[in-house]
Protein backbone atom coordinates (compact mmCIF):
# COMPACT_ATOMS: atom_id res chain seq x y z
CA MET A 1 -227.42 -43.83 68.15
CA THR A 2 -226.90 -44.25 71.94
CA VAL A 3 -227.04 -48.18 71.89
CA PRO A 4 -223.88 -49.07 70.34
CA THR A 5 -222.03 -46.50 72.61
CA THR A 6 -223.57 -48.28 75.56
CA ARG A 7 -222.81 -51.64 74.27
CA LYS A 8 -219.04 -50.51 73.63
CA SER A 9 -219.12 -49.09 77.31
CA ARG A 10 -220.15 -52.32 78.97
CA GLN A 11 -217.74 -54.45 76.60
CA GLN A 12 -214.96 -51.98 77.81
CA GLN A 13 -216.06 -52.51 81.58
CA ARG A 14 -216.01 -56.60 80.99
CA ASP A 15 -212.56 -56.31 79.17
CA GLU A 16 -211.02 -54.17 82.24
CA SER A 17 -212.57 -56.50 84.64
CA ARG A 18 -211.06 -59.35 82.99
CA GLU A 19 -207.53 -57.62 82.77
CA ARG A 20 -207.79 -56.79 86.54
CA ILE A 21 -208.74 -60.46 87.22
CA LEU A 22 -205.79 -62.04 85.10
CA ALA A 23 -203.30 -59.50 86.90
CA ALA A 24 -204.54 -60.31 90.28
CA ALA A 25 -204.63 -64.28 89.33
CA GLY A 26 -201.09 -63.89 88.15
CA ASP A 27 -200.05 -62.45 91.46
CA THR A 28 -201.92 -64.68 93.42
CA PHE A 29 -200.95 -68.10 91.73
CA ALA A 30 -197.26 -66.74 91.91
CA LEU A 31 -197.53 -65.93 95.68
CA LYS A 32 -199.67 -68.73 97.06
CA GLY A 33 -199.41 -71.58 94.37
CA TYR A 34 -202.39 -73.21 92.67
CA ASP A 35 -203.24 -75.04 95.56
CA GLY A 36 -203.13 -72.31 97.92
CA CYS A 37 -205.42 -69.81 96.26
CA SER A 38 -209.16 -69.65 95.48
CA PHE A 39 -211.63 -67.70 93.58
CA ALA A 40 -212.26 -65.84 96.62
CA ASP A 41 -208.48 -64.91 96.92
CA ILE A 42 -208.17 -63.79 93.35
CA ALA A 43 -211.61 -61.73 93.56
CA ALA A 44 -210.37 -59.88 96.62
CA ALA A 45 -207.02 -59.00 94.98
CA ALA A 46 -208.68 -58.02 91.88
CA GLY A 47 -211.27 -55.76 94.09
CA VAL A 48 -214.26 -57.44 92.34
CA LYS A 49 -216.95 -60.16 93.44
CA LYS A 50 -216.30 -63.83 93.44
CA ALA A 51 -219.10 -64.33 91.05
CA LEU A 52 -217.52 -62.07 88.28
CA VAL A 53 -214.49 -64.45 88.50
CA GLN A 54 -216.61 -67.43 87.93
CA TYR A 55 -218.45 -65.83 85.33
CA HIS A 56 -215.40 -64.85 83.15
CA PHE A 57 -213.43 -68.27 83.77
CA GLY A 58 -215.81 -70.80 85.08
CA HIS A 59 -213.11 -72.75 86.98
CA LYS A 60 -209.70 -72.33 88.39
CA GLN A 61 -207.82 -74.36 85.83
CA ALA A 62 -209.25 -72.22 83.26
CA LEU A 63 -208.14 -68.96 85.20
CA TRP A 64 -204.63 -70.36 85.86
CA GLU A 65 -204.19 -71.13 81.98
CA ALA A 66 -205.54 -67.62 81.17
CA ALA A 67 -203.44 -65.76 83.84
CA VAL A 68 -200.21 -67.98 82.77
CA THR A 69 -201.00 -66.90 79.09
CA HIS A 70 -201.29 -63.19 79.90
CA LEU A 71 -198.05 -63.50 81.83
CA TRP A 72 -196.12 -65.00 79.05
CA GLN A 73 -197.68 -62.60 76.76
CA SER A 74 -196.67 -59.51 78.74
CA ARG A 75 -193.13 -60.93 79.13
CA ASN A 76 -192.67 -61.48 75.17
CA ALA A 77 -194.39 -58.25 74.14
CA ASN A 78 -191.29 -56.11 73.92
CA LEU A 79 -188.63 -58.58 73.03
CA SER A 80 -186.81 -57.94 69.98
CA ARG A 81 -186.09 -60.70 67.45
CA TYR A 82 -182.49 -61.67 66.49
CA LEU A 83 -182.04 -61.63 62.64
CA PRO A 84 -178.60 -63.27 61.78
CA GLY A 85 -176.33 -62.24 59.22
CA GLY A 86 -175.37 -58.36 60.06
CA PRO A 87 -171.98 -57.17 60.91
CA ARG A 88 -170.18 -58.62 64.26
CA SER A 89 -170.67 -55.19 66.06
CA THR A 90 -174.34 -55.06 64.88
CA GLN A 91 -175.09 -58.45 66.17
CA SER A 92 -173.41 -58.18 69.33
CA ALA A 93 -175.18 -55.10 70.25
CA LEU A 94 -178.27 -56.78 69.37
CA ALA A 95 -177.69 -59.73 71.40
CA GLN A 96 -177.03 -57.36 74.29
CA GLN A 97 -180.21 -55.61 73.72
CA ILE A 98 -182.38 -59.13 74.13
CA TYR A 99 -180.61 -60.02 77.23
CA SER A 100 -181.54 -56.32 78.62
CA GLN A 101 -185.22 -56.86 77.35
CA ILE A 102 -185.36 -60.54 79.11
CA ILE A 103 -184.04 -59.15 82.38
CA GLU A 104 -186.35 -55.97 82.17
CA ALA A 105 -189.52 -58.28 81.26
CA THR A 106 -188.70 -60.67 84.11
CA ARG A 107 -188.14 -57.64 86.61
CA GLN A 108 -191.52 -56.22 85.48
CA HIS A 109 -193.35 -59.78 85.49
CA PRO A 110 -191.46 -62.09 87.88
CA GLN A 111 -194.78 -64.00 88.26
CA TRP A 112 -194.26 -66.04 85.14
CA LEU A 113 -190.89 -67.28 86.76
CA GLN A 114 -192.16 -67.86 89.94
CA ILE A 115 -194.98 -70.26 88.51
CA LEU A 116 -192.77 -72.06 86.16
CA PHE A 117 -190.42 -72.84 89.17
CA ALA A 118 -193.34 -73.80 91.41
CA GLU A 119 -194.81 -76.17 88.79
CA ALA A 120 -191.30 -77.74 87.68
CA ALA A 121 -190.76 -78.51 91.27
CA THR A 122 -193.96 -80.72 91.28
CA PRO A 123 -194.48 -82.08 87.91
CA GLY A 124 -197.76 -82.94 86.81
CA PRO A 125 -200.50 -82.07 84.36
CA ARG A 126 -200.00 -78.21 84.63
CA LEU A 127 -196.42 -78.48 83.83
CA GLN A 128 -197.35 -80.60 80.70
CA TRP A 129 -199.82 -77.69 79.97
CA LEU A 130 -197.00 -75.20 80.13
CA VAL A 131 -194.61 -77.24 78.01
CA GLU A 132 -197.32 -77.67 75.34
CA HIS A 133 -198.45 -74.20 75.45
CA HIS A 134 -195.51 -71.98 76.21
CA LEU A 135 -192.17 -73.90 77.27
CA LYS A 136 -191.85 -75.59 74.09
CA GLN A 137 -191.88 -72.58 71.95
CA ASP A 138 -189.50 -70.75 74.66
CA TYR A 139 -187.00 -73.50 73.97
CA GLU A 140 -187.27 -73.53 69.98
CA GLN A 141 -186.92 -69.76 69.94
CA GLY A 142 -183.93 -69.79 72.32
CA LEU A 143 -182.31 -72.41 70.54
CA ALA A 144 -182.88 -70.88 67.07
CA PHE A 145 -181.12 -67.54 68.82
CA ILE A 146 -178.28 -69.52 70.12
CA ARG A 147 -177.53 -71.35 66.73
CA HIS A 148 -177.90 -68.04 64.85
CA ALA A 149 -175.35 -66.23 67.22
CA GLN A 150 -173.17 -69.26 67.05
CA GLN A 151 -173.31 -68.69 62.92
CA ASP A 152 -172.72 -65.36 63.47
CA GLY A 153 -169.47 -65.86 65.38
CA LEU A 154 -170.80 -64.43 68.52
CA MET A 155 -170.88 -67.57 70.57
CA PRO A 156 -168.44 -70.70 70.86
CA GLU A 157 -168.89 -73.95 69.28
CA ALA A 158 -170.89 -75.85 72.03
CA GLU A 159 -174.07 -77.73 72.46
CA PRO A 160 -176.57 -75.08 71.91
CA LEU A 161 -178.92 -76.42 74.78
CA ASP A 162 -176.04 -76.26 77.21
CA LEU A 163 -175.40 -72.47 76.12
CA LEU A 164 -179.27 -71.68 76.35
CA LEU A 165 -179.55 -73.24 79.87
CA LEU A 166 -176.51 -71.15 80.98
CA LEU A 167 -177.74 -68.15 79.50
CA SER A 168 -181.32 -68.62 80.59
CA GLY A 169 -180.16 -69.25 83.97
CA ALA A 170 -178.02 -66.04 84.24
CA LEU A 171 -180.71 -63.84 83.07
CA THR A 172 -183.48 -65.20 85.47
CA TYR A 173 -181.74 -66.46 88.44
CA VAL A 174 -180.03 -63.28 89.62
CA LEU A 175 -183.73 -61.53 89.94
CA MET A 176 -185.16 -64.46 92.08
CA VAL A 177 -182.26 -63.97 94.58
CA THR A 178 -181.84 -60.29 94.54
CA PRO A 179 -183.22 -59.97 98.32
CA ALA A 180 -180.95 -62.40 99.59
CA THR A 181 -177.87 -61.06 97.55
CA GLN A 182 -178.53 -57.49 98.94
CA LEU A 183 -179.05 -58.64 102.59
CA VAL A 184 -175.53 -60.72 102.19
CA THR A 185 -173.63 -58.35 100.14
CA GLY A 186 -175.48 -54.65 100.21
CA LYS A 187 -175.73 -54.85 96.34
CA ASP A 188 -178.90 -54.23 94.80
CA TYR A 189 -179.01 -56.11 91.42
CA THR A 190 -182.20 -54.31 90.57
CA GLN A 191 -180.33 -51.10 89.96
CA GLN A 192 -179.80 -50.18 86.53
CA ALA A 193 -176.00 -49.48 86.74
CA ILE A 194 -175.48 -52.86 88.16
CA LEU A 195 -177.77 -54.74 85.87
CA ASP A 196 -176.06 -53.26 83.11
CA ARG A 197 -172.49 -54.12 84.47
CA TYR A 198 -174.04 -57.99 85.08
CA LEU A 199 -175.38 -57.99 81.36
CA ALA A 200 -172.09 -56.75 79.85
CA THR A 201 -170.29 -59.53 82.08
CA ILE A 202 -172.54 -62.09 80.61
CA HIS A 203 -172.08 -61.09 77.16
CA ARG A 204 -168.30 -61.20 77.70
CA LEU A 205 -168.36 -64.74 79.04
CA LEU A 206 -170.41 -65.98 76.24
CA LEU A 207 -168.63 -64.02 73.59
CA LYS A 208 -166.55 -66.13 71.01
CA PRO A 209 -163.08 -64.57 70.78
């Protein structure tokens, strides 16, 4: 009876080690870039031996892909779906809720955005991998949200991609420049009250009269 328990315990330890490595890899790739970090750096950040990182992932590209997927899954875990067709007040509240969830997910996991910006700045095979495995779906879901919001009368009749890019930029750029904004203006856009006001402003700007 003790064998299954031992096996389960070892599996749990492997799973926990893998999670620590993925979290450390996401942080390290975001901070140093793909070319600027090694298995040794990630192992040190995770508090494990380099051999354990190699055991789980084999090579750096596999680790990068797994870490990026882990970040995207963490980002998406608490995002609501926009279901069209309800009363305008209900749909408006749902849209605002989704905006808030995107901001909060990015505040908790900014590494996904840092990695995206780094790869987009130097297009290559990793950016193509991102497109195929994550960004294409992001764009498809984002455009579906915009079109549904237009159908519900929440957003103006404009090119959906234009609106998506405006909204995406507004929901992410603010967090990327928060340290600079605070130094220049003294305003901390990570404070909930300021973020709530900012999100309400975005919603009013995009809201169809």
